[in-house]
Protein backbone atom coordinates (compact mmCIF):
# COMPACT_ATOMS: atom_id res chain seq x y z
CA UNK A 1 -21.96 -9.89 -37.50
CA UNK A 2 -18.54 -10.60 -36.09
CA UNK A 3 -18.32 -7.56 -34.53
CA UNK A 4 -21.50 -8.31 -32.24
CA UNK A 5 -19.92 -11.97 -31.91
CA UNK A 6 -16.84 -10.32 -30.81
CA UNK A 7 -18.57 -8.28 -28.35
CA UNK A 8 -20.62 -11.08 -26.92
CA UNK A 9 -17.81 -13.27 -26.26
CA UNK A 10 -15.78 -10.01 -24.53
CA UNK A 11 -18.53 -9.12 -22.55
CA UNK A 12 -18.80 -13.05 -21.36
CA UNK A 13 -15.20 -12.51 -19.91
CA UNK A 14 -16.22 -9.71 -17.49
CA UNK A 15 -17.82 -10.38 -13.84
CA UNK A 16 -21.37 -9.99 -13.48
CA UNK A 17 -22.82 -7.82 -10.62
CA UNK A 18 -23.27 -10.68 -8.34
CA UNK A 19 -19.50 -10.36 -8.56
CA UNK A 20 -18.89 -6.98 -8.20
CA UNK A 21 -21.51 -7.46 -5.28
CA UNK A 22 -19.42 -10.16 -3.50
CA UNK A 23 -15.80 -8.20 -3.80
CA UNK A 24 -17.71 -4.82 -2.20
CA UNK A 25 -18.67 -7.40 0.57
CA UNK A 26 -15.36 -8.50 0.81
CA UNK A 27 -14.04 -4.84 0.89
CA UNK A 28 -16.08 -3.86 3.57
CA UNK A 29 -15.58 -6.82 5.62
CA UNK A 30 -11.59 -5.98 5.30
CA UNK A 31 -12.67 -2.11 6.06
CA UNK A 32 -14.42 -3.47 9.38
CA UNK A 33 -11.39 -5.55 10.48
CA UNK A 34 -9.24 -2.56 9.80
CA UNK A 35 -11.32 -0.28 12.06
CA UNK A 36 -11.98 -3.17 14.94
CA UNK A 37 -7.86 -3.43 14.71
CA UNK A 38 -7.46 0.43 15.30
CA UNK A 39 -9.72 0.38 18.32
CA UNK A 40 -8.62 -2.96 19.88
CA UNK A 41 -4.94 -1.51 19.74
CA UNK A 42 -6.04 1.18 22.16
CA UNK A 43 -7.81 -1.72 24.37
CA UNK A 44 -5.03 -4.32 24.33
CA UNK A 45 -1.31 -3.64 23.80
CA UNK A 46 -0.45 -5.73 20.37
CA UNK A 47 3.23 -5.10 20.44
CA UNK A 48 3.54 -3.34 17.47
CA UNK A 49 1.77 -5.74 15.50
CA UNK A 50 -1.45 -3.18 14.88
CA UNK A 51 1.05 -1.56 11.49
CA UNK A 52 1.92 -4.35 10.15
CA UNK A 53 -1.34 -5.78 9.86
CA UNK A 54 -3.30 -2.69 8.79
CA UNK A 55 -0.50 -2.65 5.84
CA UNK A 56 -1.07 -6.16 4.98
CA UNK A 57 -4.67 -5.37 4.77
CA UNK A 58 -4.32 -2.09 2.61
CA UNK A 59 -2.47 -4.17 -0.05
CA UNK A 60 -5.30 -6.85 0.16
CA UNK A 61 -7.72 -4.30 -0.64
CA UNK A 62 -5.63 -2.29 -3.08
CA UNK A 63 -5.07 -5.92 -5.31
CA UNK A 64 -8.54 -6.27 -5.07
CA UNK A 65 -9.64 -2.85 -6.47
CA UNK A 66 -6.60 -2.75 -8.91
CA UNK A 67 -7.73 -6.39 -10.24
CA UNK A 68 -11.51 -6.15 -10.07
CA UNK A 69 -12.78 -2.71 -10.43
CA UNK A 70 -10.41 -1.33 -12.47
CA UNK A 71 -10.28 -4.77 -14.88
CA UNK A 72 -6.55 -5.24 -14.73
CA UNK A 73 -6.90 -8.78 -14.81
CA UNK A 74 -8.47 -8.47 -18.22
CA UNK A 75 -5.68 -6.58 -19.66
CA UNK A 76 -2.29 -7.21 -21.11
CA UNK A 77 0.44 -8.81 -18.56
CA UNK A 78 2.62 -5.72 -18.64
CA UNK A 79 0.14 -3.38 -16.80
CA UNK A 80 -0.09 -5.56 -13.93
CA UNK A 81 3.47 -5.48 -14.13
CA UNK A 82 3.48 -1.93 -14.43
CA UNK A 83 0.86 -1.22 -11.27
CA UNK A 84 2.51 -3.44 -9.45
CA UNK A 85 6.10 -2.21 -9.91
CA UNK A 86 4.43 1.29 -8.50
CA UNK A 87 2.89 -0.20 -5.59
CA UNK A 88 6.20 -1.73 -4.58
CA UNK A 89 7.94 1.58 -5.11
CA UNK A 90 5.30 3.36 -3.19
CA UNK A 91 5.65 0.85 -0.17
CA UNK A 92 9.43 1.16 -0.39
CA UNK A 93 9.02 4.89 -0.14
CA UNK A 94 6.56 4.74 2.48
CA UNK A 95 9.26 2.52 4.66
CA UNK A 96 11.76 5.00 3.44
CA UNK A 97 10.07 7.89 5.11
CA UNK A 98 8.99 5.95 8.17
CA UNK A 99 12.78 4.87 8.79
CA UNK A 100 13.80 8.54 8.24
CA UNK A 101 10.96 9.99 10.63
CA UNK A 102 12.26 7.27 12.98
CA UNK A 103 8.84 5.70 13.41
CA UNK A 104 10.28 1.94 13.46
CA UNK A 105 12.56 3.16 16.65
CA UNK A 106 9.56 4.68 18.56
CA UNK A 107 7.09 1.11 17.68
CA UNK A 108 10.12 -1.16 17.70
């Protein structure tokens, strides 16, 4: 009996289908903004702001996917810190590689 009550309480904590549809729409809107930025950069000179904007939008999408679809926000805080550290490490490595190949010198 207590297992059933525990399972019901645990299921109540998780998002509903409506929440998943909302986050899917949110991700679709962010993706549409990213595609629009790509075409806007070809039409208008954005003075190098397109790259940082795309990285920022990608970061927001990463956090949304990890937080909602991977259920990370329902897990122990250690896992959130672990994923966060991995993301920061990946961004630092990405920045080092961009600097090594001179991308910042070309666009900056």
